Amino acid sequence: MKAVRSTVLYGMLAISIGVLWNTALQTPCSRVVKYDIGEFDERFGITKELFLAQIEHAEQPWETVAQRELFQYVPGSDFMVNLIWSDEQERLYEGNTLQNQLDTKQERIDTVQTRYQSAVSRYERSVREYEARLNAYEADVSYWNAQGGAPEGTYQELQVESSALESKASEVNRLLAQVNAIAEENNERVEEYNEGVATYNDLFSQAHEFDAGNTDGTEINVYSYDGNQELQTLLIHEFGHVLGIDHVDDPASVMYYLLNDENHDGVLSDVDITALTERCRL
């Protein structure tokens, strides 16, 4: 009986050691994170089906490197991916409205500048015509004065031309006034546009922290995003945190703490891949 008891105890010891060994070998990539869609605010203007497609697409960069399934959509799972409306998203919508207003103002500026170029062309053409006729008139007057005077018929013709030149000069001045008026209108519109750009730039920057979403290990919360590509990158970033990857120092990396032009496309950098490899001991 004692031999049997000893055997059982050794067997239990072996099982305990095996459990500890397996636990030591566990990594974030050793299990599949099963998730469901939790809170879903329709004010984002995206369907739940498209949101799920974006989530599933965000899994792929990490799974491709790990060469295994890391995440899986399973309705009823405890881990939730939530889409939660926030003041930040409201601000983004206001920013989009402001951007549309700036686009409209730019179109109006383009229209005014086209009018300006046309007015300048008409003015310059009128000036050339006036100067050519004025030079010809003055040459004729000088010639006939040198001759002691012009015949009556020629004199009358010169008088008619003098009146025509006065009318032409008035036309030149009128066209110049148009040019100046359009230039002033253009300057006012450009100033208004620049003020709008300054306001927009004060509100929004090209690079901002990945604070539009977060994960605490039990859920991913998406609070705001500007377009599908930014949503995609945000989800990839948050999935990285689910795997236990911290922020990295490389601005071109998805796991950098800022979303910027270098990592906006959501492509894993070598630094991201190294972080996953080390974290999961691949």
C-alpha atoms as a PDB file:
ATOM      1  CA  MET A   1       0.000   0.000   0.000  1.00  0.00           C
ATOM      2  CA  LYS A   2       2.881   2.392   0.797  1.00  0.00           C
ATOM      3  CA  ALA A   3       4.407   1.789  -2.624  1.00  0.00           C
ATOM      4  CA  VAL A   4       1.138   2.659  -4.250  1.00  0.00           C
ATOM      5  CA  ARG A   5       0.898   5.857  -2.184  1.00  0.00           C
ATOM      6  CA  SER A   6       4.402   6.893  -3.129  1.00  0.00           C
ATOM      7  CA  THR A   7       3.659   6.314  -6.762  1.00  0.00           C
ATOM      8  CA  VAL A   8       0.568   8.480  -6.555  1.00  0.00           C
ATOM      9  CA  LEU A   9       2.485  11.297  -4.863  1.00  0.00           C
ATOM     10  CA  TYR A  10       5.199  11.222  -7.482  1.00  0.00           C
ATOM     11  CA  GLY A  11       2.522  11.233 -10.099  1.00  0.00           C
ATOM     12  CA  MET A  12       0.964  14.351  -8.575  1.00  0.00           C
ATOM     13  CA  LEU A  13       4.369  15.992  -8.388  1.00  0.00           C
ATOM     14  CA  ALA A  14       4.947  15.272 -12.044  1.00  0.00           C
ATOM     15  CA  ILE A  15       1.579  16.766 -12.936  1.00  0.00           C
ATOM     16  CA  SER A  16       2.313  19.898 -10.875  1.00  0.00           C
ATOM     17  CA  ILE A  17       5.690  20.358 -12.526  1.00  0.00           C
ATOM     18  CA  GLY A  18       4.064  19.870 -15.913  1.00  0.00           C
ATOM     19  CA  VAL A  19       1.446  22.538 -15.175  1.00  0.00           C
ATOM     20  CA  LEU A  20       4.129  24.994 -14.056  1.00  0.00           C
ATOM     21  CA  TRP A  21       6.202  24.253 -17.140  1.00  0.00           C
ATOM     22  CA  ASN A  22       3.235  24.753 -19.476  1.00  0.00           C
ATOM     23  CA  THR A  23       2.355  27.977 -17.685  1.00  0.00           C
ATOM     24  CA  ALA A  24       5.900  29.248 -18.142  1.00  0.00           C
ATOM     25  CA  LEU A  25       5.660  28.507 -21.848  1.00  0.00           C
ATOM     26  CA  GLN A  26       2.383  30.407 -22.258  1.00  0.00           C
ATOM     27  CA  THR A  27       2.609  33.648 -24.266  1.00  0.00           C
ATOM     28  CA  PRO A  28      -0.032  36.085 -25.531  1.00  0.00           C
ATOM     29  CA  CYS A  29       0.155  34.257 -28.853  1.00  0.00           C
ATOM     30  CA  SER A  30      -0.529  30.871 -27.280  1.00  0.00           C
ATOM     31  CA  ARG A  31      -4.261  31.455 -27.092  1.00  0.00           C
ATOM     32  CA  VAL A  32      -6.879  32.886 -29.397  1.00  0.00           C
ATOM     33  CA  VAL A  33      -8.586  36.027 -28.103  1.00  0.00           C
ATOM     34  CA  LYS A  34     -12.269  35.566 -28.824  1.00  0.00           C
ATOM     35  CA  TYR A  35     -14.240  38.776 -29.045  1.00  0.00           C
ATOM     36  CA  ASP A  36     -17.689  40.137 -29.758  1.00  0.00           C
ATOM     37  CA  ILE A  37     -18.979  43.571 -30.720  1.00  0.00           C
ATOM     38  CA  GLY A  38     -20.384  45.286 -27.644  1.00  0.00           C
ATOM     39  CA  GLU A  39     -21.599  48.871 -27.552  1.00  0.00           C
ATOM     40  CA  PHE A  40     -22.194  50.178 -31.066  1.00  0.00           C
ATOM     41  CA  ASP A  41     -23.179  53.808 -31.687  1.00  0.00           C
ATOM     42  CA  GLU A  42     -24.801  54.330 -35.082  1.00  0.00           C
ATOM     43  CA  ARG A  43     -23.923  58.039 -35.104  1.00  0.00           C
ATOM     44  CA  PHE A  44     -20.530  57.078 -36.541  1.00  0.00           C
ATOM     45  CA  GLY A  45     -22.336  56.359 -39.806  1.00  0.00           C
ATOM     46  CA  ILE A  46     -20.824  52.890 -40.225  1.00  0.00           C
ATOM     47  CA  THR A  47     -22.759  49.623 -40.309  1.00  0.00           C
ATOM     48  CA  LYS A  48     -22.042  46.908 -37.792  1.00  0.00           C
ATOM     49  CA  GLU A  49     -21.091  44.606 -40.680  1.00  0.00           C
ATOM     50  CA  LEU A  50     -18.489  47.058 -41.976  1.00  0.00           C
ATOM     51  CA  PHE A  51     -17.201  47.663 -38.454  1.00  0.00           C
ATOM     52  CA  LEU A  52     -16.728  43.911 -37.997  1.00  0.00           C
ATOM     53  CA  ALA A  53     -14.958  43.724 -41.369  1.00  0.00           C
ATOM     54  CA  GLN A  54     -12.571  46.459 -40.222  1.00  0.00           C
ATOM     55  CA  ILE A  55     -11.896  44.587 -36.985  1.00  0.00           C
ATOM     56  CA  GLU A  56     -11.204  41.314 -38.776  1.00  0.00           C
ATOM     57  CA  HIS A  57      -8.922  43.082 -41.231  1.00  0.00           C
ATOM     58  CA  ALA A  58      -6.999  44.608 -38.302  1.00  0.00           C
ATOM     59  CA  GLU A  59      -6.215  41.110 -37.006  1.00  0.00           C
ATOM     60  CA  GLN A  60      -4.324  40.131 -40.131  1.00  0.00           C
ATOM     61  CA  PRO A  61      -1.017  42.044 -39.755  1.00  0.00           C
ATOM     62  CA  TRP A  62      -0.327  40.432 -36.371  1.00  0.00           C
ATOM     63  CA  GLU A  63      -1.568  36.992 -37.425  1.00  0.00           C
ATOM     64  CA  THR A  64       0.518  37.075 -40.593  1.00  0.00           C
ATOM     65  CA  VAL A  65       3.697  37.640 -38.580  1.00  0.00           C
ATOM     66  CA  ALA A  66       2.743  35.108 -35.896  1.00  0.00           C
ATOM     67  CA  GLN A  67       1.630  32.606 -38.562  1.00  0.00           C
ATOM     68  CA  ARG A  68      -1.306  31.590 -36.423  1.00  0.00           C
ATOM     69  CA  GLU A  69      -4.779  32.765 -35.485  1.00  0.00           C
ATOM     70  CA  LEU A  70      -4.635  35.256 -32.647  1.00  0.00           C
ATOM     71  CA  PHE A  71      -8.125  36.766 -32.677  1.00  0.00           C
ATOM     72  CA  GLN A  72     -11.542  35.391 -33.559  1.00  0.00           C
ATOM     73  CA  TYR A  73     -15.001  36.908 -33.719  1.00  0.00           C
ATOM     74  CA  VAL A  74     -17.287  34.742 -31.598  1.00  0.00           C
ATOM     75  CA  PRO A  75     -20.700  36.194 -30.658  1.00  0.00           C
ATOM     76  CA  GLY A  76     -21.275  35.998 -26.935  1.00  0.00           C
ATOM     77  CA  SER A  77     -17.594  36.264 -26.007  1.00  0.00           C
ATOM     78  CA  ASP A  78     -16.606  38.182 -22.885  1.00  0.00           C
ATOM     79  CA  PHE A  79     -13.991  40.325 -24.655  1.00  0.00           C
ATOM     80  CA  MET A  80     -15.788  43.243 -26.315  1.00  0.00           C
ATOM     81  CA  VAL A  81     -14.876  45.698 -29.056  1.00  0.00           C
ATOM     82  CA  ASN A  82     -16.983  48.811 -28.453  1.00  0.00           C
ATOM     83  CA  LEU A  83     -17.719  51.800 -30.682  1.00  0.00           C
ATOM     84  CA  ILE A  84     -18.511  54.641 -28.292  1.00  0.00           C
ATOM     85  CA  TRP A  85     -19.498  58.174 -29.328  1.00  0.00           C
ATOM     86  CA  SER A  86     -17.379  60.908 -27.775  1.00  0.00           C
ATOM     87  CA  ASP A  87     -16.808  64.650 -27.737  1.00  0.00           C
ATOM     88  CA  GLU A  88     -13.679  63.993 -29.792  1.00  0.00           C
ATOM     89  CA  GLN A  89     -15.756  62.447 -32.588  1.00  0.00           C
ATOM     90  CA  GLU A  90     -18.119  65.408 -32.405  1.00  0.00           C
ATOM     91  CA  ARG A  91     -15.090  67.666 -32.821  1.00  0.00           C
ATOM     92  CA  LEU A  92     -13.922  65.633 -35.812  1.00  0.00           C
ATOM     93  CA  TYR A  93     -17.308  66.089 -37.453  1.00  0.00           C
ATOM     94  CA  GLU A  94     -17.066  69.827 -36.825  1.00  0.00           C
ATOM     95  CA  GLY A  95     -13.597  69.724 -38.357  1.00  0.00           C
ATOM     96  CA  ASN A  96     -14.934  67.982 -41.458  1.00  0.00           C
ATOM     97  CA  THR A  97     -17.593  70.679 -41.766  1.00  0.00           C
ATOM     98  CA  LEU A  98     -14.898  73.349 -41.469  1.00  0.00           C
ATOM     99  CA  GLN A  99     -12.810  71.534 -44.092  1.00  0.00           C
ATOM    100  CA  ASN A 100     -15.776  71.519 -46.478  1.00  0.00           C
ATOM    101  CA  GLN A 101     -16.218  75.244 -45.896  1.00  0.00           C
ATOM    102  CA  LEU A 102     -12.538  75.805 -46.677  1.00  0.00           C
ATOM    103  CA  ASP A 103     -12.877  73.778 -49.878  1.00  0.00           C
ATOM    104  CA  THR A 104     -15.828  75.943 -50.925  1.00  0.00           C
ATOM    105  CA  LYS A 105     -13.868  79.109 -50.175  1.00  0.00           C
ATOM    106  CA  GLN A 106     -10.918  77.801 -52.187  1.00  0.00           C
ATOM    107  CA  GLU A 107     -13.201  77.171 -55.159  1.00  0.00           C
ATOM    108  CA  ARG A 108     -14.489  80.739 -54.908  1.00  0.00           C
ATOM    109  CA  ILE A 109     -10.938  82.067 -54.753  1.00  0.00           C
ATOM    110  CA  ASP A 110     -10.080  80.060 -57.870  1.00  0.00           C
ATOM    111  CA  THR A 111     -13.105  81.573 -59.627  1.00  0.00           C
ATOM    112  CA  VAL A 112     -12.135  85.113 -58.595  1.00  0.00           C
ATOM    113  CA  GLN A 113      -8.546  84.578 -59.716  1.00  0.00           C
ATOM    114  CA  THR A 114      -9.781  83.363 -63.106  1.00  0.00           C
ATOM    115  CA  ARG A 115     -11.869  86.533 -63.388  1.00  0.00           C
ATOM    116  CA  TYR A 116      -8.830  88.557 -62.353  1.00  0.00           C
ATOM    117  CA  GLN A 117      -6.626  87.050 -65.045  1.00  0.00           C
ATOM    118  CA  SER A 118      -9.302  87.710 -67.672  1.00  0.00           C
ATOM    119  CA  ALA A 119      -9.684  91.311 -66.493  1.00  0.00           C
ATOM    120  CA  VAL A 120      -5.914  91.847 -66.587  1.00  0.00           C
ATOM    121  CA  SER A 121      -5.769  90.448 -70.121  1.00  0.00           C
ATOM    122  CA  ARG A 122      -8.550  92.783 -71.291  1.00  0.00           C
ATOM    123  CA  TYR A 123      -6.872  95.738 -69.613  1.00  0.00           C
ATOM    124  CA  GLU A 124      -3.441  95.021 -71.096  1.00  0.00           C
ATOM    125  CA  ARG A 125      -4.925  94.506 -74.561  1.00  0.00           C
ATOM    126  CA  SER A 126      -6.818  97.797 -74.295  1.00  0.00           C
ATOM    127  CA  VAL A 127      -3.656  99.601 -73.137  1.00  0.00           C
ATOM    128  CA  ARG A 128      -1.713  98.260 -76.130  1.00  0.00           C
ATOM    129  CA  GLU A 129      -4.447  99.371 -78.529  1.00  0.00           C
ATOM    130  CA  TYR A 130      -4.650 102.807 -76.910  1.00  0.00           C
ATOM    131  CA  GLU A 131      -0.895 103.351 -76.961  1.00  0.00           C
ATOM    132  CA  ALA A 132      -0.629 102.271 -80.599  1.00  0.00           C
ATOM    133  CA  ARG A 133      -3.411 104.650 -81.675  1.00  0.00           C
ATOM    134  CA  LEU A 134      -2.029 107.460 -79.493  1.00  0.00           C
ATOM    135  CA  ASN A 135       1.451 107.103 -80.995  1.00  0.00           C
ATOM    136  CA  ALA A 136      -0.007 107.153 -84.493  1.00  0.00           C
ATOM    137  CA  TYR A 137      -2.136 110.198 -83.677  1.00  0.00           C
ATOM    138  CA  GLU A 138       0.787 112.109 -82.167  1.00  0.00           C
ATOM    139  CA  ALA A 139       2.959 111.251 -85.166  1.00  0.00           C
ATOM    140  CA  ASP A 140       0.275 112.614 -87.530  1.00  0.00           C
ATOM    141  CA  VAL A 141      -0.126 115.778 -85.474  1.00  0.00           C
ATOM    142  CA  SER A 142       3.641 116.346 -85.420  1.00  0.00           C
ATOM    143  CA  TYR A 143       3.853 115.794 -89.170  1.00  0.00           C
ATOM    144  CA  TRP A 144       1.102 118.253 -90.046  1.00  0.00           C
ATOM    145  CA  ASN A 145       2.359 120.826 -87.580  1.00  0.00           C
ATOM    146  CA  ALA A 146       5.739 120.629 -89.295  1.00  0.00           C
ATOM    147  CA  GLN A 147       3.923 121.249 -92.566  1.00  0.00           C
ATOM    148  CA  GLY A 148       2.350 124.414 -91.220  1.00  0.00           C
ATOM    149  CA  GLY A 149      -1.018 122.845 -90.640  1.00  0.00           C
ATOM    150  CA  ALA A 150      -3.274 120.073 -91.924  1.00  0.00           C
ATOM    151  CA  PRO A 151      -5.873 120.330 -94.667  1.00  0.00           C
ATOM    152  CA  GLU A 152      -9.426 120.811 -93.412  1.00  0.00           C
ATOM    153  CA  GLY A 153     -10.417 117.217 -94.096  1.00  0.00           C
ATOM    154  CA  THR A 154      -7.358 115.832 -92.360  1.00  0.00           C
ATOM    155  CA  TYR A 155      -7.874 118.232 -89.484  1.00  0.00           C
ATOM    156  CA  GLN A 156     -11.412 116.950 -88.958  1.00  0.00           C
ATOM    157  CA  GLU A 157     -10.155 113.372 -89.062  1.00  0.00           C
ATOM    158  CA  LEU A 158      -7.575 114.193 -86.404  1.00  0.00           C
ATOM    159  CA  GLN A 159     -10.288 115.765 -84.238  1.00  0.00           C
ATOM    160  CA  VAL A 160     -12.418 112.621 -84.516  1.00  0.00           C
ATOM    161  CA  GLU A 161      -9.414 110.479 -83.599  1.00  0.00           C
ATOM    162  CA  SER A 162      -8.685 112.735 -80.608  1.00  0.00           C
ATOM    163  CA  SER A 163     -12.218 112.186 -79.301  1.00  0.00           C
ATOM    164  CA  ALA A 164     -11.875 108.445 -79.929  1.00  0.00           C
ATOM    165  CA  LEU A 165      -8.632 108.404 -77.959  1.00  0.00           C
ATOM    166  CA  GLU A 166     -10.358 110.112 -75.040  1.00  0.00           C
ATOM    167  CA  SER A 167     -13.044 107.408 -75.108  1.00  0.00           C
ATOM    168  CA  LYS A 168     -10.367 104.740 -75.344  1.00  0.00           C
ATOM    169  CA  ALA A 169      -8.545 106.265 -72.367  1.00  0.00           C
ATOM    170  CA  SER A 170     -11.803 106.139 -70.392  1.00  0.00           C
ATOM    171  CA  GLU A 171     -12.161 102.464 -71.340  1.00  0.00           C
ATOM    172  CA  VAL A 172      -8.605 101.762 -70.150  1.00  0.00           C
ATOM    173  CA  ASN A 173      -9.326 103.464 -66.827  1.00  0.00           C
ATOM    174  CA  ARG A 174     -12.602 101.554 -66.464  1.00  0.00           C
ATOM    175  CA  LEU A 175     -10.822  98.244 -67.107  1.00  0.00           C
ATOM    176  CA  LEU A 176      -8.100  99.191 -64.621  1.00  0.00           C
ATOM    177  CA  ALA A 177     -10.773  99.908 -62.011  1.00  0.00           C
ATOM    178  CA  GLN A 178     -12.241  96.439 -62.666  1.00  0.00           C
ATOM    179  CA  VAL A 179      -8.832  94.848 -62.210  1.00  0.00           C
ATOM    180  CA  ASN A 180      -8.322  96.665 -58.912  1.00  0.00           C
ATOM    181  CA  ALA A 181     -11.815  95.776 -57.670  1.00  0.00           C
ATOM    182  CA  ILE A 182     -11.351  92.090 -58.457  1.00  0.00           C
ATOM    183  CA  ALA A 183      -7.895  92.156 -56.864  1.00  0.00           C
ATOM    184  CA  GLU A 184      -9.396  93.632 -53.701  1.00  0.00           C
ATOM    185  CA  GLU A 185     -12.142  90.983 -53.685  1.00  0.00           C
ATOM    186  CA  ASN A 186      -9.507  88.281 -54.137  1.00  0.00           C
ATOM    187  CA  ASN A 187      -7.420  89.629 -51.266  1.00  0.00           C
ATOM    188  CA  GLU A 188     -10.451  89.672 -48.967  1.00  0.00           C
ATOM    189  CA  ARG A 189     -11.355  86.086 -49.865  1.00  0.00           C
ATOM    190  CA  VAL A 190      -7.759  84.922 -49.407  1.00  0.00           C
ATOM    191  CA  GLU A 191      -7.586  86.618 -46.003  1.00  0.00           C
ATOM    192  CA  GLU A 192     -10.871  84.960 -44.978  1.00  0.00           C
ATOM    193  CA  TYR A 193      -9.583  81.590 -46.211  1.00  0.00           C
ATOM    194  CA  ASN A 194      -6.296  81.951 -44.334  1.00  0.00           C
ATOM    195  CA  GLU A 195      -8.172  82.773 -41.132  1.00  0.00           C
ATOM    196  CA  GLY A 196     -10.199  79.578 -41.607  1.00  0.00           C
ATOM    197  CA  VAL A 197      -7.031  77.557 -42.165  1.00  0.00           C
ATOM    198  CA  ALA A 198      -5.497  79.006 -39.001  1.00  0.00           C
ATOM    199  CA  THR A 199      -8.618  78.054 -37.044  1.00  0.00           C
ATOM    200  CA  TYR A 200      -8.533  74.544 -38.476  1.00  0.00           C
ATOM    201  CA  ASN A 201      -4.837  74.110 -37.703  1.00  0.00           C
ATOM    202  CA  ASP A 202      -5.390  75.281 -34.138  1.00  0.00           C
ATOM    203  CA  LEU A 203      -8.038  72.593 -33.673  1.00  0.00           C
ATOM    204  CA  PHE A 204      -6.387  69.739 -35.514  1.00  0.00           C
ATOM    205  CA  SER A 205      -2.819  68.583 -35.936  1.00  0.00           C
ATOM    206  CA  GLN A 206      -1.372  66.035 -38.347  1.00  0.00           C
ATOM    207  CA  ALA A 207      -0.068  63.904 -35.489  1.00  0.00           C
ATOM    208  CA  HIS A 208      -2.081  63.006 -32.410  1.00  0.00           C
ATOM    209  CA  GLU A 209      -1.901  60.402 -29.715  1.00  0.00           C
ATOM    210  CA  PHE A 210      -3.637  57.067 -30.035  1.00  0.00           C
ATOM    211  CA  ASP A 211      -6.121  58.259 -27.410  1.00  0.00           C
ATOM    212  CA  ALA A 212      -9.131  57.653 -29.640  1.00  0.00           C
ATOM    213  CA  GLY A 213      -9.219  54.057 -28.412  1.00  0.00           C
ATOM    214  CA  ASN A 214      -7.970  52.002 -25.522  1.00  0.00           C
ATOM    215  CA  THR A 215      -7.925  48.502 -24.103  1.00  0.00           C
ATOM    216  CA  ASP A 216      -7.768  47.311 -20.514  1.00  0.00           C
ATOM    217  CA  GLY A 217      -7.392  43.634 -21.303  1.00  0.00           C
ATOM    218  CA  THR A 218     -11.124  42.943 -21.258  1.00  0.00           C
ATOM    219  CA  GLU A 219     -12.296  45.222 -24.039  1.00  0.00           C
ATOM    220  CA  ILE A 220     -11.275  47.608 -26.782  1.00  0.00           C
ATOM    221  CA  ASN A 221     -13.055  50.957 -26.780  1.00  0.00           C
ATOM    222  CA  VAL A 222     -13.014  53.039 -29.963  1.00  0.00           C
ATOM    223  CA  TYR A 223     -14.027  56.619 -29.220  1.00  0.00           C
ATOM    224  CA  SER A 224     -13.216  58.467 -32.430  1.00  0.00           C
ATOM    225  CA  TYR A 225     -11.603  58.125 -35.834  1.00  0.00           C
ATOM    226  CA  ASP A 226     -11.351  60.141 -39.012  1.00  0.00           C
ATOM    227  CA  GLY A 227     -12.057  57.800 -41.917  1.00  0.00           C
ATOM    228  CA  ASN A 228     -11.806  54.053 -42.429  1.00  0.00           C
ATOM    229  CA  GLN A 229      -8.010  54.013 -42.744  1.00  0.00           C
ATOM    230  CA  GLU A 230      -7.565  55.705 -39.383  1.00  0.00           C
ATOM    231  CA  LEU A 231     -10.049  53.259 -37.835  1.00  0.00           C
ATOM    232  CA  GLN A 232      -8.050  50.393 -39.310  1.00  0.00           C
ATOM    233  CA  THR A 233      -4.747  51.668 -37.915  1.00  0.00           C
ATOM    234  CA  LEU A 234      -6.333  52.376 -34.543  1.00  0.00           C
ATOM    235  CA  LEU A 235      -7.653  48.800 -34.297  1.00  0.00           C
ATOM    236  CA  ILE A 236      -4.281  47.324 -35.301  1.00  0.00           C
ATOM    237  CA  HIS A 237      -2.643  49.463 -32.612  1.00  0.00           C
ATOM    238  CA  GLU A 238      -5.128  48.338 -29.953  1.00  0.00           C
ATOM    239  CA  PHE A 239      -4.808  44.677 -30.952  1.00  0.00           C
ATOM    240  CA  GLY A 240      -1.077  45.127 -30.372  1.00  0.00           C
ATOM    241  CA  HIS A 241      -1.825  46.217 -26.814  1.00  0.00           C
ATOM    242  CA  VAL A 242      -4.114  43.192 -26.368  1.00  0.00           C
ATOM    243  CA  LEU A 243      -1.058  41.085 -27.204  1.00  0.00           C
ATOM    244  CA  GLY A 244       0.845  42.888 -24.471  1.00  0.00           C
ATOM    245  CA  ILE A 245       2.963  45.090 -26.739  1.00  0.00           C
ATOM    246  CA  ASP A 246       3.810  48.500 -25.290  1.00  0.00           C
ATOM    247  CA  HIS A 247       4.473  51.693 -27.216  1.00  0.00           C
ATOM    248  CA  VAL A 248       7.699  51.797 -29.222  1.00  0.00           C
ATOM    249  CA  ASP A 249       9.986  54.735 -30.044  1.00  0.00           C
ATOM    250  CA  ASP A 250       9.858  54.480 -33.849  1.00  0.00           C
ATOM    251  CA  PRO A 251       7.485  57.090 -35.412  1.00  0.00           C
ATOM    252  CA  ALA A 252       6.967  54.832 -38.445  1.00  0.00           C
ATOM    253  CA  SER A 253       5.639  52.010 -36.268  1.00  0.00           C
ATOM    254  CA  VAL A 254       1.987  51.228 -35.653  1.00  0.00           C
ATOM    255  CA  MET A 255       2.812  50.861 -31.943  1.00  0.00           C
ATOM    256  CA  TYR A 256       4.256  54.388 -31.757  1.00  0.00           C
ATOM    257  CA  TYR A 257       2.216  56.490 -29.341  1.00  0.00           C
ATOM    258  CA  LEU A 258       1.328  59.036 -32.043  1.00  0.00           C
ATOM    259  CA  LEU A 259      -0.741  58.555 -35.165  1.00  0.00           C
ATOM    260  CA  ASN A 260       1.123  60.417 -37.918  1.00  0.00           C
ATOM    261  CA  ASP A 261       1.845  60.426 -41.644  1.00  0.00           C
ATOM    262  CA  GLU A 262       4.509  57.740 -41.245  1.00  0.00           C
ATOM    263  CA  ASN A 263       2.304  55.098 -39.617  1.00  0.00           C
ATOM    264  CA  HIS A 264      -1.137  56.163 -40.839  1.00  0.00           C
ATOM    265  CA  ASP A 265      -1.359  53.280 -43.342  1.00  0.00           C
ATOM    266  CA  GLY A 266      -1.239  50.690 -40.567  1.00  0.00           C
ATOM    267  CA  VAL A 267       1.690  48.697 -41.959  1.00  0.00           C
ATOM    268  CA  LEU A 268       3.761  46.922 -39.310  1.00  0.00           C
ATOM    269  CA  SER A 269       7.352  48.146 -39.190  1.00  0.00           C
ATOM    270  CA  ASP A 270      10.385  46.029 -38.371  1.00  0.00           C
ATOM    271  CA  VAL A 271      10.190  47.461 -34.858  1.00  0.00           C
ATOM    272  CA  ASP A 272       6.565  46.326 -34.528  1.00  0.00           C
ATOM    273  CA  ILE A 273       7.466  42.864 -35.781  1.00  0.00           C
ATOM    274  CA  THR A 274      10.392  42.612 -33.368  1.00  0.00           C
ATOM    275  CA  ALA A 275       8.131  43.646 -30.482  1.00  0.00           C
ATOM    276  CA  LEU A 276       5.650  40.893 -31.372  1.00  0.00           C
ATOM    277  CA  THR A 277       8.413  38.335 -31.849  1.00  0.00           C
ATOM    278  CA  GLU A 278       9.888  39.087 -28.435  1.00  0.00           C
ATOM    279  CA  ARG A 279       6.526  39.251 -26.701  1.00  0.00           C
ATOM    280  CA  CYS A 280       5.333  35.929 -28.127  1.00  0.00           C
ATOM    281  CA  ARG A 281       8.766  34.299 -28.284  1.00  0.00           C
ATOM    282  CA  LEU A 282       8.252  33.410 -31.939  1.00  0.00           C
END
